[in-house]
């Protein structure tokens, strides 16, 4: 399942890389990622990219991740 998740993230990144700001991205797949469909996972990744683009377009840097 891990390779499937990596493939989906890479595919989404290739599609949206021109719209993303020049930042380093780190995705951490939780165990619950194995329980969703590929379409749901793809939608979640694309939504994260959209949120990142929207935050940086407003001149705000994304907040640091907290666990």
N, C-alpha and C. Protein backbone atom coordinates (compact mmCIF):
# COMPACT_ATOMS: atom_id res chain seq x y z
N UNK A 1 0.82 -1.19 0.00
CA UNK A 1 0.00 0.00 0.00
C UNK A 1 0.87 1.26 0.00
N UNK A 2 2.03 1.19 0.64
CA UNK A 2 2.89 2.36 0.72
C UNK A 2 3.30 2.84 -0.67
N UNK A 3 3.63 1.91 -1.55
CA UNK A 3 4.03 2.30 -2.90
C UNK A 3 2.86 2.91 -3.67
N UNK A 4 1.67 2.44 -3.43
CA UNK A 4 0.49 3.01 -4.07
C UNK A 4 0.30 4.46 -3.64
N UNK A 5 0.45 4.71 -2.37
CA UNK A 5 0.32 6.07 -1.83
C UNK A 5 1.40 6.97 -2.43
N UNK A 6 2.62 6.49 -2.49
CA UNK A 6 3.71 7.27 -3.08
C UNK A 6 3.43 7.58 -4.54
N UNK A 7 2.91 6.61 -5.27
CA UNK A 7 2.60 6.82 -6.69
C UNK A 7 1.54 7.89 -6.87
N UNK A 8 0.51 7.85 -6.04
CA UNK A 8 -0.57 8.83 -6.13
C UNK A 8 -0.06 10.23 -5.81
N UNK A 9 0.75 10.36 -4.77
CA UNK A 9 1.31 11.67 -4.41
C UNK A 9 2.19 12.19 -5.54
N UNK A 10 3.02 11.35 -6.11
CA UNK A 10 3.89 11.78 -7.21
C UNK A 10 3.07 12.20 -8.42
N UNK A 11 2.04 11.44 -8.75
CA UNK A 11 1.19 11.77 -9.89
C UNK A 11 0.53 13.13 -9.69
N UNK A 12 -0.02 13.35 -8.51
CA UNK A 12 -0.66 14.63 -8.21
C UNK A 12 0.35 15.77 -8.25
N UNK A 13 1.55 15.53 -7.73
CA UNK A 13 2.58 16.56 -7.76
C UNK A 13 2.95 16.93 -9.20
N UNK A 14 3.11 15.93 -10.05
CA UNK A 14 3.44 16.21 -11.46
C UNK A 14 2.37 17.06 -12.12
N UNK A 15 1.12 16.80 -11.78
CA UNK A 15 0.02 17.55 -12.38
C UNK A 15 -0.03 18.99 -11.89
N UNK A 16 0.35 19.23 -10.64
CA UNK A 16 0.18 20.55 -10.02
C UNK A 16 1.47 21.29 -9.73
N UNK A 17 2.61 20.74 -10.10
CA UNK A 17 3.89 21.33 -9.71
C UNK A 17 4.05 22.77 -10.21
N UNK A 18 3.50 23.11 -11.36
CA UNK A 18 3.63 24.47 -11.88
C UNK A 18 2.86 25.47 -11.02
N UNK A 19 1.82 25.01 -10.33
CA UNK A 19 0.99 25.89 -9.51
C UNK A 19 1.49 26.01 -8.07
N UNK A 20 2.45 25.18 -7.70
CA UNK A 20 2.91 25.16 -6.31
C UNK A 20 4.08 26.11 -6.10
N UNK A 21 4.18 26.67 -4.89
CA UNK A 21 5.30 27.55 -4.59
C UNK A 21 6.58 26.73 -4.44
N UNK A 22 7.73 27.38 -4.52
CA UNK A 22 9.01 26.65 -4.38
C UNK A 22 9.30 26.31 -2.92
N UNK A 23 8.69 25.27 -2.43
CA UNK A 23 8.89 24.81 -1.05
C UNK A 23 9.17 23.31 -1.07
N UNK A 24 9.74 22.83 0.01
CA UNK A 24 9.92 21.39 0.18
C UNK A 24 8.65 20.82 0.79
N UNK A 25 8.21 19.70 0.27
CA UNK A 25 6.99 19.06 0.77
C UNK A 25 7.33 17.69 1.33
N UNK A 26 6.71 17.37 2.45
CA UNK A 26 6.87 16.06 3.06
C UNK A 26 5.48 15.52 3.35
N UNK A 27 5.19 14.36 2.82
CA UNK A 27 3.92 13.69 3.10
C UNK A 27 4.20 12.50 4.00
N UNK A 28 3.40 12.39 5.04
CA UNK A 28 3.50 11.25 5.96
C UNK A 28 2.18 10.52 5.90
N UNK A 29 2.21 9.30 5.41
CA UNK A 29 0.99 8.50 5.29
C UNK A 29 0.68 7.82 6.62
N UNK A 30 -0.47 8.08 7.12
CA UNK A 30 -0.93 7.43 8.35
C UNK A 30 -1.58 6.09 7.99
N UNK A 31 -1.79 5.27 8.98
CA UNK A 31 -2.40 3.96 8.73
C UNK A 31 -3.79 4.09 8.13
N UNK A 32 -4.48 5.16 8.45
CA UNK A 32 -5.83 5.33 7.91
C UNK A 32 -5.81 5.56 6.40
N UNK A 33 -4.67 5.96 5.84
CA UNK A 33 -4.57 6.15 4.39
C UNK A 33 -4.77 4.83 3.65
N UNK A 34 -4.48 3.73 4.29
CA UNK A 34 -4.66 2.42 3.67
C UNK A 34 -6.13 2.02 3.62
N UNK A 35 -6.97 2.74 4.34
CA UNK A 35 -8.39 2.37 4.42
C UNK A 35 -9.27 3.18 3.49
N UNK A 36 -8.71 4.15 2.77
CA UNK A 36 -9.52 4.96 1.86
C UNK A 36 -9.29 4.49 0.43
N UNK A 37 -10.19 4.87 -0.45
CA UNK A 37 -10.03 4.50 -1.85
C UNK A 37 -8.96 5.38 -2.50
N UNK A 38 -8.50 4.94 -3.65
CA UNK A 38 -7.50 5.74 -4.38
C UNK A 38 -8.06 7.10 -4.76
N UNK A 39 -9.32 7.13 -5.13
CA UNK A 39 -9.96 8.40 -5.51
C UNK A 39 -10.01 9.35 -4.32
N UNK A 40 -10.33 8.83 -3.14
CA UNK A 40 -10.38 9.67 -1.94
C UNK A 40 -8.99 10.17 -1.57
N UNK A 41 -8.00 9.31 -1.70
CA UNK A 41 -6.63 9.71 -1.40
C UNK A 41 -6.16 10.78 -2.38
N UNK A 42 -6.44 10.56 -3.64
CA UNK A 42 -6.06 11.54 -4.68
C UNK A 42 -6.73 12.89 -4.39
N UNK A 43 -8.00 12.87 -4.05
CA UNK A 43 -8.73 14.10 -3.74
C UNK A 43 -8.12 14.81 -2.53
N UNK A 44 -7.71 14.06 -1.53
CA UNK A 44 -7.11 14.66 -0.34
C UNK A 44 -5.76 15.31 -0.66
N UNK A 45 -4.96 14.66 -1.49
CA UNK A 45 -3.66 15.21 -1.87
C UNK A 45 -3.86 16.48 -2.70
N UNK A 46 -4.76 16.44 -3.66
CA UNK A 46 -5.02 17.62 -4.48
C UNK A 46 -5.58 18.77 -3.64
N UNK A 47 -6.41 18.46 -2.66
CA UNK A 47 -6.94 19.49 -1.76
C UNK A 47 -5.81 20.12 -0.94
N UNK A 48 -4.86 19.31 -0.50
CA UNK A 48 -3.71 19.84 0.24
C UNK A 48 -2.88 20.77 -0.64
N UNK A 49 -2.69 20.39 -1.90
CA UNK A 49 -1.96 21.25 -2.83
C UNK A 49 -2.71 22.56 -3.08
N UNK A 50 -4.01 22.49 -3.21
CA UNK A 50 -4.82 23.69 -3.42
C UNK A 50 -4.72 24.62 -2.21
N UNK A 51 -4.78 24.04 -1.03
CA UNK A 51 -4.68 24.83 0.20
C UNK A 51 -3.31 25.50 0.30
N UNK A 52 -2.26 24.78 -0.05
CA UNK A 52 -0.93 25.34 -0.04
C UNK A 52 -0.81 26.48 -1.05
N UNK A 53 -1.33 26.30 -2.24
CA UNK A 53 -1.29 27.34 -3.26
C UNK A 53 -2.05 28.58 -2.81
N UNK A 54 -3.21 28.38 -2.20
CA UNK A 54 -4.02 29.50 -1.74
C UNK A 54 -3.32 30.27 -0.62
N UNK A 55 -2.71 29.57 0.30
CA UNK A 55 -2.02 30.23 1.41
C UNK A 55 -0.83 31.04 0.94
N UNK A 56 -0.07 30.49 0.03
CA UNK A 56 1.12 31.21 -0.42
C UNK A 56 0.77 32.31 -1.40
N UNK A 57 -0.35 32.20 -2.10
CA UNK A 57 -0.78 33.25 -3.03
C UNK A 57 -1.18 34.51 -2.26
N UNK A 58 -1.62 34.36 -1.04
CA UNK A 58 -2.03 35.50 -0.22
C UNK A 58 -0.83 36.16 0.46
N UNK A 59 0.34 35.63 0.23
CA UNK A 59 1.53 36.20 0.86
C UNK A 59 1.82 35.63 2.24
N UNK A 60 1.02 34.68 2.66
CA UNK A 60 1.25 34.05 3.95
C UNK A 60 1.99 32.74 3.75
N UNK A 61 2.97 32.50 4.56
CA UNK A 61 3.64 31.20 4.55
C UNK A 61 2.77 30.21 5.30
N UNK A 62 2.79 28.94 4.91
CA UNK A 62 2.00 27.94 5.63
C UNK A 62 2.53 27.78 7.05
N UNK A 63 1.62 27.55 8.00
CA UNK A 63 2.08 27.36 9.39
C UNK A 63 2.83 26.05 9.52
N UNK A 64 3.71 25.97 10.50
CA UNK A 64 4.45 24.71 10.69
C UNK A 64 3.50 23.60 11.14
N UNK A 65 3.79 22.40 10.71
CA UNK A 65 2.98 21.24 11.07
C UNK A 65 3.22 20.88 12.54
N UNK A 66 2.15 20.52 13.21
CA UNK A 66 2.26 20.03 14.58
C UNK A 66 1.62 18.67 14.67
N UNK A 67 2.12 17.85 15.52
CA UNK A 67 1.58 16.50 15.66
C UNK A 67 0.65 16.40 16.83
